[in-house]
Amino acid sequence: MPNIPGTVRADLAAQISNLKDQIGLQTLSSMKELSANGAAGLGNTTNREFGSLQNSLGNLSEKQSPEALRKTLQNIIKNANTSKNRLNANFKQITRILSKMSLTKR
């Protein structure tokens, strides 16, 4: 019963809600960053649209079986690690370019 404060179910529901909010906000932010004009292209985001953004990496619910929830969380972690690796690779490439630029200025 997720409605009873202080229970393990309530803690799980709160953690899932928090993670879904983070995913939704990060997805919206990423859409804005990738846009030429800095807009997500959604206008005023409705609750339904935000729900879709929250589930963009997988459907999370305290009503899922532990196995299904674990699998979804593993997919989210895999996606986050892939993004992190991409960012690290881009950072290294930019650093190499900047190093070359500073060498050519001498």
Protein backbone atom coordinates (compact mmCIF):
# COMPACT_ATOMS: atom_id res chain seq x y z
CA MET A 1 0.00 0.00 0.00
CA PRO A 2 1.90 3.06 -1.25
CA ASN A 3 -0.54 5.43 0.51
CA ILE A 4 0.54 4.49 4.02
CA PRO A 5 3.47 6.73 5.05
CA GLY A 6 6.54 5.02 6.43
CA THR A 7 6.04 1.74 4.59
CA VAL A 8 8.51 0.20 2.19
CA ARG A 9 5.91 0.55 -0.60
CA ALA A 10 5.53 4.28 0.13
CA ASP A 11 9.32 4.68 0.03
CA LEU A 12 9.47 2.83 -3.29
CA ALA A 13 6.66 4.95 -4.78
CA ALA A 14 8.44 8.14 -3.70
CA GLN A 15 11.77 7.01 -5.18
CA ILE A 16 10.13 5.99 -8.47
CA SER A 17 8.27 9.30 -8.65
CA ASN A 18 11.50 11.20 -8.07
CA LEU A 19 13.37 9.21 -10.73
CA LYS A 20 10.55 9.69 -13.24
CA ASP A 21 10.59 13.45 -12.62
CA GLN A 22 14.35 13.56 -13.14
CA ILE A 23 14.08 11.58 -16.37
CA GLY A 24 11.26 13.79 -17.66
CA LEU A 25 13.07 17.03 -16.86
CA GLN A 26 16.37 15.78 -18.29
CA THR A 27 14.66 14.62 -21.49
CA LEU A 28 12.95 18.01 -21.87
CA SER A 29 16.25 19.79 -21.20
CA SER A 30 18.04 17.62 -23.77
CA MET A 31 15.39 18.40 -26.36
CA LYS A 32 15.90 22.13 -25.74
CA GLU A 33 19.69 21.82 -25.97
CA LEU A 34 19.47 19.98 -29.29
CA SER A 35 17.06 22.52 -30.75
CA ALA A 36 18.35 25.28 -33.01
CA ASN A 37 16.23 27.88 -31.21
CA GLY A 38 16.51 26.52 -27.66
CA ALA A 39 12.90 25.32 -27.52
CA ALA A 40 11.77 21.76 -26.94
CA GLY A 41 9.21 22.08 -29.71
CA LEU A 42 6.36 21.03 -27.45
CA GLY A 43 5.00 24.44 -26.49
CA ASN A 44 3.44 24.30 -23.06
CA THR A 45 4.03 20.71 -22.01
CA THR A 46 0.87 18.97 -20.84
CA ASN A 47 0.82 16.44 -18.01
CA ARG A 48 0.30 13.69 -20.56
CA GLU A 49 3.28 14.82 -22.65
CA PHE A 50 5.43 15.09 -19.53
CA GLY A 51 4.34 11.58 -18.57
CA SER A 52 5.54 10.38 -21.95
CA LEU A 53 8.88 12.11 -21.39
CA GLN A 54 9.12 10.48 -17.96
CA ASN A 55 8.65 7.07 -19.56
CA SER A 56 11.02 7.75 -22.46
CA LEU A 57 13.65 5.42 -20.96
CA GLY A 58 11.22 2.83 -19.65
CA ASN A 59 7.94 2.52 -17.82
CA LEU A 60 8.51 2.75 -14.06
CA SER A 61 5.78 1.87 -11.60
CA GLU A 62 5.65 0.52 -8.07
CA LYS A 63 2.91 -1.78 -9.38
CA GLN A 64 5.40 -3.68 -11.53
CA SER A 65 6.83 -6.97 -10.42
CA PRO A 66 10.27 -6.69 -8.82
CA GLU A 67 11.76 -8.43 -11.87
CA ALA A 68 10.17 -6.02 -14.36
CA LEU A 69 11.17 -3.01 -12.26
CA ARG A 70 14.73 -4.29 -11.97
CA LYS A 71 14.93 -4.81 -15.74
CA THR A 72 13.63 -1.31 -16.44
CA LEU A 73 16.13 0.19 -13.98
CA GLN A 74 18.95 -1.76 -15.63
CA ASN A 75 17.90 -0.34 -19.03
CA ILE A 76 17.89 3.19 -17.57
CA ILE A 77 21.36 2.65 -16.12
CA LYS A 78 22.58 1.26 -19.46
CA ASN A 79 21.20 4.33 -21.26
CA ALA A 80 22.82 6.67 -18.72
CA ASN A 81 26.18 4.92 -19.07
CA THR A 82 25.97 5.13 -22.87
CA SER A 83 25.27 8.87 -22.61
CA LYS A 84 28.13 9.30 -20.15
CA ASN A 85 30.53 7.47 -22.47
CA ARG A 86 29.41 9.64 -25.40
CA LEU A 87 30.00 12.79 -23.36
CA ASN A 88 33.45 11.60 -22.28
CA ALA A 89 34.40 10.83 -25.88
CA ASN A 90 33.23 14.28 -27.02
CA PHE A 91 35.11 15.92 -24.16
CA LYS A 92 38.32 14.11 -25.11
CA GLN A 93 37.91 15.08 -28.75
CA ILE A 94 37.36 18.74 -27.88
CA THR A 95 40.36 18.67 -25.55
CA ARG A 96 42.55 17.27 -28.34
CA ILE A 97 41.34 19.97 -30.74
CA LEU A 98 42.02 22.70 -28.20
CA SER A 99 45.50 21.32 -27.58
CA LYS A 100 46.23 21.39 -31.32
CA MET A 101 44.90 24.93 -31.57
CA SER A 102 47.15 26.15 -28.76
CA LEU A 103 50.18 24.47 -30.41
CA THR A 104 49.53 26.18 -33.73
CA LYS A 105 49.33 29.63 -32.10
CA ARG A 106 52.96 29.43 -30.97
